[in-house]
Protein backbone atom coordinates (compact mmCIF):
# COMPACT_ATOMS: atom_id res chain seq x y z
CA UNK A 1 12.93 1.34 -24.95
CA UNK A 2 13.81 -2.35 -24.62
CA UNK A 3 10.10 -3.04 -24.01
CA UNK A 4 9.09 -1.11 -27.12
CA UNK A 5 8.16 2.15 -25.40
CA UNK A 6 9.10 5.21 -27.45
CA UNK A 7 10.54 7.99 -25.28
CA UNK A 8 9.95 11.64 -26.14
CA UNK A 9 11.35 14.88 -24.73
CA UNK A 10 8.85 16.69 -22.52
CA UNK A 11 8.44 19.52 -24.99
CA UNK A 12 5.13 18.53 -26.58
CA UNK A 13 6.74 16.87 -29.62
CA UNK A 14 5.39 13.45 -28.65
CA UNK A 15 1.78 14.62 -28.83
CA UNK A 16 0.93 13.75 -32.45
CA UNK A 17 -2.65 13.72 -33.75
CA UNK A 18 -2.88 9.92 -33.35
CA UNK A 19 -2.32 10.03 -29.57
CA UNK A 20 -5.45 8.77 -27.79
CA UNK A 21 -4.80 10.06 -24.28
CA UNK A 22 -2.22 11.98 -22.29
CA UNK A 23 -1.78 10.48 -18.80
CA UNK A 24 -0.41 12.82 -16.14
CA UNK A 25 0.26 12.60 -12.43
CA UNK A 26 -1.43 14.95 -9.99
CA UNK A 27 1.80 16.97 -9.80
CA UNK A 28 1.72 17.94 -13.51
CA UNK A 29 0.49 21.48 -14.13
CA UNK A 30 -1.20 22.95 -17.20
CA UNK A 31 1.91 25.01 -17.96
CA UNK A 32 3.87 21.86 -18.90
CA UNK A 33 4.49 21.81 -22.70
CA UNK A 34 2.99 18.32 -23.12
CA UNK A 35 -0.22 19.41 -21.41
CA UNK A 36 -0.40 22.63 -23.44
CA UNK A 37 0.00 20.63 -26.64
CA UNK A 38 -2.69 18.15 -25.63
CA UNK A 39 -5.09 20.98 -24.84
CA UNK A 40 -4.35 22.63 -28.17
CA UNK A 41 -5.03 19.38 -30.06
CA UNK A 42 -8.07 18.45 -27.92
CA UNK A 43 -6.36 15.23 -26.82
CA UNK A 44 -8.07 13.82 -23.70
CA UNK A 45 -6.04 14.18 -20.49
CA UNK A 46 -6.43 11.65 -17.67
CA UNK A 47 -4.86 11.46 -14.25
CA UNK A 48 -2.55 8.55 -13.50
CA UNK A 49 -4.66 7.76 -10.43
CA UNK A 50 -7.78 7.41 -12.61
CA UNK A 51 -6.06 4.84 -14.83
CA UNK A 52 -4.66 2.96 -11.84
CA UNK A 53 -8.01 2.93 -10.00
CA UNK A 54 -9.81 1.64 -13.12
CA UNK A 55 -7.37 -1.28 -13.38
CA UNK A 56 -7.50 -1.87 -9.62
CA UNK A 57 -11.31 -1.86 -9.44
CA UNK A 58 -11.56 -4.62 -12.06
CA UNK A 59 -9.66 -7.01 -9.76
CA UNK A 60 -9.79 -8.16 -6.14
CA UNK A 61 -8.03 -5.18 -4.63
CA UNK A 62 -6.20 -4.65 -1.36
CA UNK A 63 -5.84 -0.88 -0.91
CA UNK A 64 -3.53 0.60 1.72
CA UNK A 65 -4.18 4.11 3.04
CA UNK A 66 -3.20 6.40 5.90
CA UNK A 67 -0.84 9.25 6.62
CA UNK A 68 2.26 7.11 7.30
CA UNK A 69 3.41 3.57 6.59
CA UNK A 70 1.46 3.03 3.36
CA UNK A 71 4.50 2.14 1.26
CA UNK A 72 5.91 -0.33 3.79
CA UNK A 73 2.57 -2.07 4.42
CA UNK A 74 1.93 -2.31 0.68
CA UNK A 75 5.41 -3.76 0.25
CA UNK A 76 4.90 -6.28 3.04
CA UNK A 77 1.55 -7.43 1.62
CA UNK A 78 2.98 -7.68 -1.90
CA UNK A 79 5.98 -9.67 -0.68
CA UNK A 80 3.83 -12.09 1.35
CA UNK A 81 1.45 -12.70 -1.56
CA UNK A 82 4.31 -13.26 -3.99
CA UNK A 83 6.18 -15.50 -1.54
CA UNK A 84 3.08 -17.65 -0.98
CA UNK A 85 2.43 -18.15 -4.71
CA UNK A 86 -0.50 -15.76 -5.21
CA UNK A 87 1.18 -13.88 -8.10
CA UNK A 88 -0.35 -10.46 -7.28
CA UNK A 89 -0.35 -7.30 -9.35
CA UNK A 90 1.36 -4.53 -7.36
CA UNK A 91 1.63 -0.75 -7.55
CA UNK A 92 3.57 0.88 -4.73
CA UNK A 93 4.89 4.33 -3.91
CA UNK A 94 8.41 3.12 -3.10
CA UNK A 95 10.89 0.48 -4.18
CA UNK A 96 10.50 -2.96 -2.58
CA UNK A 97 14.03 -4.27 -2.02
CA UNK A 98 12.99 -7.91 -2.56
CA UNK A 99 11.56 -6.99 -5.97
CA UNK A 100 14.70 -5.07 -6.96
CA UNK A 101 16.83 -8.12 -6.14
CA UNK A 102 14.64 -10.16 -8.50
CA UNK A 103 15.25 -7.73 -11.35
CA UNK A 104 11.78 -6.18 -11.13
CA UNK A 105 11.22 -2.39 -11.29
CA UNK A 106 10.75 -2.41 -7.51
CA UNK A 107 7.51 -0.50 -7.15
CA UNK A 108 5.38 -2.43 -9.64
CA UNK A 109 4.64 -5.94 -10.82
CA UNK A 110 2.08 -7.40 -13.20
CA UNK A 111 0.76 -10.64 -11.75
CA UNK A 112 -1.24 -13.55 -13.07
CA UNK A 113 -3.51 -13.91 -10.03
CA UNK A 114 -6.73 -12.12 -9.10
CA UNK A 115 -5.24 -9.87 -6.41
CA UNK A 116 -4.13 -6.26 -6.93
CA UNK A 117 -2.26 -4.53 -4.09
CA UNK A 118 -1.96 -0.75 -4.28
CA UNK A 119 -0.85 2.17 -2.15
CA UNK A 120 -3.56 4.82 -2.26
CA UNK A 121 -2.98 8.53 -1.80
CA UNK A 122 -5.10 11.01 0.10
CA UNK A 123 -3.02 14.07 -0.77
CA UNK A 124 -4.78 14.62 -4.09
CA UNK A 125 -8.06 13.02 -3.03
CA UNK A 126 -7.56 10.12 -5.47
CA UNK A 127 -8.16 7.61 -2.67
CA UNK A 128 -11.86 8.28 -3.34
CA UNK A 129 -11.55 6.50 -6.73
CA UNK A 130 -10.75 3.07 -5.27
CA UNK A 131 -13.29 0.34 -4.52
CA UNK A 132 -11.21 -2.25 -2.67
CA UNK A 133 -12.21 -5.69 -1.51
CA UNK A 134 -9.99 -5.10 1.53
CA UNK A 135 -9.14 -1.61 2.81
CA UNK A 136 -6.21 -1.08 5.18
CA UNK A 137 -5.94 2.13 7.22
CA UNK A 138 -2.77 2.74 9.23
CA UNK A 139 -3.19 6.13 10.90
CA UNK A 140 -4.55 9.64 10.42
CA UNK A 141 -2.51 12.72 11.30
CA UNK A 142 -2.22 16.23 9.97
CA UNK A 143 -0.21 16.16 6.76
CA UNK A 144 -1.51 16.92 3.26
CA UNK A 145 -4.97 18.06 4.30
CA UNK A 146 -6.71 19.37 7.44
CA UNK A 147 -8.14 16.65 9.70
CA UNK A 148 -11.68 17.84 8.97
CA UNK A 149 -11.09 16.90 5.32
CA UNK A 150 -9.21 13.68 6.06
CA UNK A 151 -11.82 12.15 8.35
CA UNK A 152 -14.64 11.83 5.78
CA UNK A 153 -12.14 10.86 3.05
CA UNK A 154 -10.79 7.92 5.06
CA UNK A 155 -14.17 6.97 6.52
CA UNK A 156 -15.63 6.68 3.02
CA UNK A 157 -12.56 4.68 1.97
CA UNK A 158 -13.31 2.10 4.67
CA UNK A 159 -17.03 2.11 3.94
CA UNK A 160 -16.42 1.24 0.24
CA UNK A 161 -14.48 -1.95 1.08
CA UNK A 162 -16.49 -4.89 -0.22
CA UNK A 163 -15.05 -7.50 2.15
CA UNK A 164 -13.26 -6.03 5.17
CA UNK A 165 -11.65 -2.96 6.71
CA UNK A 166 -8.30 -3.50 8.46
CA UNK A 167 -7.67 -0.64 10.90
CA UNK A 168 -5.15 0.43 13.53
CA UNK A 169 -6.89 0.32 16.92
CA UNK A 170 -3.92 2.11 18.54
CA UNK A 171 -4.53 5.26 16.49
CA UNK A 172 -7.32 7.36 18.09
CA UNK A 173 -8.46 8.93 14.81
CA UNK A 174 -8.67 5.56 13.07
CA UNK A 175 -10.24 3.77 16.05
CA UNK A 176 -13.02 6.36 15.99
CA UNK A 177 -13.95 4.95 12.57
CA UNK A 178 -14.44 1.39 13.82
CA UNK A 179 -18.13 1.56 12.89
CA UNK A 180 -17.41 2.54 9.26
CA UNK A 181 -17.67 -1.07 8.08
CA UNK A 182 -19.62 -4.16 9.11
CA UNK A 183 -16.46 -6.28 9.05
CA UNK A 184 -13.77 -4.28 10.86
CA UNK A 185 -10.59 -6.15 11.79
CA UNK A 186 -8.39 -4.33 14.27
CA UNK A 187 -4.65 -4.56 14.79
CA UNK A 188 -2.73 -3.05 17.69
CA UNK A 189 0.09 -3.30 20.16
CA UNK A 190 -1.76 -1.72 23.11
CA UNK A 191 -5.51 -1.89 22.43
CA UNK A 192 -6.76 -5.16 23.89
CA UNK A 193 -9.94 -5.18 21.79
CA UNK A 194 -8.02 -5.63 18.52
CA UNK A 195 -8.14 -9.04 16.89
CA UNK A 196 -4.48 -9.00 15.82
CA UNK A 197 -2.05 -7.96 18.54
CA UNK A 198 1.70 -8.00 19.10
CA UNK A 199 3.42 -9.14 22.28
CA UNK A 200 6.88 -10.12 23.46
CA UNK A 201 8.41 -7.28 21.42
CA UNK A 202 12.21 -7.48 21.32
CA UNK A 203 14.27 -4.88 19.40
CA UNK A 204 17.28 -6.33 17.58
CA UNK A 205 20.39 -4.74 16.04
CA UNK A 206 19.03 -5.41 12.54
CA UNK A 207 15.26 -5.43 13.09
CA UNK A 208 12.70 -6.50 15.66
CA UNK A 209 11.08 -9.70 16.92
CA UNK A 210 7.58 -10.17 18.32
CA UNK A 211 4.71 -12.62 18.69
CA UNK A 212 1.59 -12.02 16.61
CA UNK A 213 -1.68 -13.11 18.25
CA UNK A 214 -4.89 -13.77 16.31
CA UNK A 215 -7.51 -13.55 19.05
CA UNK A 216 -10.35 -14.88 16.88
CA UNK A 217 -8.64 -18.16 16.02
CA UNK A 218 -6.50 -18.30 19.16
CA UNK A 219 -3.30 -18.55 17.12
CA UNK A 220 0.08 -17.11 18.10
CA UNK A 221 3.06 -17.07 15.76
CA UNK A 222 6.61 -15.68 16.09
CA UNK A 223 7.56 -12.92 13.67
CA UNK A 224 11.13 -11.83 12.90
CA UNK A 225 11.42 -8.57 10.96
CA UNK A 226 14.59 -7.26 9.32
CA UNK A 227 13.23 -3.71 9.52
CA UNK A 228 13.44 -1.89 12.88
CA UNK A 229 10.97 -0.17 15.16
CA UNK A 230 7.59 -0.68 16.79
CA UNK A 231 6.03 1.24 13.90
CA UNK A 232 7.08 -1.69 11.72
CA UNK A 233 5.47 -4.09 14.20
CA UNK A 234 2.20 -2.26 13.51
CA UNK A 235 2.93 -2.30 9.77
CA UNK A 236 3.50 -6.04 9.95
CA UNK A 237 0.28 -6.63 11.89
CA UNK A 238 -1.63 -4.67 9.22
CA UNK A 239 -0.07 -6.81 6.49
CA UNK A 240 -0.74 -10.06 8.37
CA UNK A 241 -4.39 -9.11 8.90
CA UNK A 242 -4.86 -8.12 5.26
CA UNK A 243 -3.35 -11.26 3.73
CA UNK A 244 -5.14 -13.45 6.27
CA UNK A 245 -8.42 -11.93 5.13
CA UNK A 246 -7.32 -12.73 1.57
CA UNK A 247 -6.93 -16.38 2.55
CA UNK A 248 -3.27 -16.73 3.56
CA UNK A 249 -2.75 -18.60 6.87
CA UNK A 250 -1.05 -16.38 9.43
CA UNK A 251 1.73 -18.96 9.92
CA UNK A 252 2.69 -18.78 6.21
CA UNK A 253 2.41 -14.99 6.19
CA UNK A 254 4.63 -14.62 9.26
CA UNK A 255 7.24 -16.91 7.71
CA UNK A 256 7.24 -14.83 4.51
CA UNK A 257 7.72 -11.62 6.50
CA UNK A 258 10.95 -13.07 7.83
CA UNK A 259 12.39 -12.64 4.31
CA UNK A 260 11.07 -9.09 3.76
CA UNK A 261 14.03 -6.73 3.24
CA UNK A 262 12.18 -3.45 3.44
CA UNK A 263 11.67 -0.42 1.24
CA UNK A 264 14.62 1.35 -0.33
CA UNK A 265 15.67 4.45 1.64
CA UNK A 266 13.61 3.39 4.71
CA UNK A 267 16.24 2.51 7.34
CA UNK A 268 18.23 0.93 4.56
CA UNK A 269 21.61 -0.58 5.51
CA UNK A 270 24.04 0.81 2.95
CA UNK A 271 27.28 -0.56 4.40
CA UNK A 272 29.15 -1.79 7.47
CA UNK A 273 32.24 -0.19 9.02
CA UNK A 274 34.48 -2.00 11.53
């Protein structure tokens, strides 16, 4: 309301004749009063993902996909780009703690730069709408759809990337797609053929420390995360590879990750006792 948005009850009363479009998420069914009213008045209905993809595709997009880790990787990339002065536009599926502490909504930011970072969703198939410059794929496991449906969906996602595909070489399903793009950049802990690898991994009480190696440029940098687990080492490698492809030196990116405070409700520290 402070920003001039008029709020309406979800009973159809907001759907006057002068409404151009009703935007709904993929979870909204035709039985919802607002949708019934729009159908009765012949008001066009568009999916949220369609609007988001249209905005995304007009910019230099970094799209993050996969079964798990999308929100954290998107948050890491967004934080690095903001911290290094790139002023990105961001749309994420969870609340980035650093953004919340700056008074931002947490999951979204309108930037002034050319980059748009977005978490993309395979559950409703809307990932097929995105044409990223850089596509990031974390992993593929059975979740929203059968694997036989997920494989072509994610393979096409990588193939559409205009600049590069960043993929997890430690995930067998993803590694099998290494030929889906002419410029595949791998990240891994175990797979020695990946360009970006992690070594010297040391779990800490409040996070994890490791060394990130860029095999192509023969660069190694220390990384200190304040989020725990080897899964977050992989998430960090994905983020480092993506922003490096976008032009951020790995040393700057690693330094920025040291200030990343995570995603709300993901291993969030809510208090200390004794």
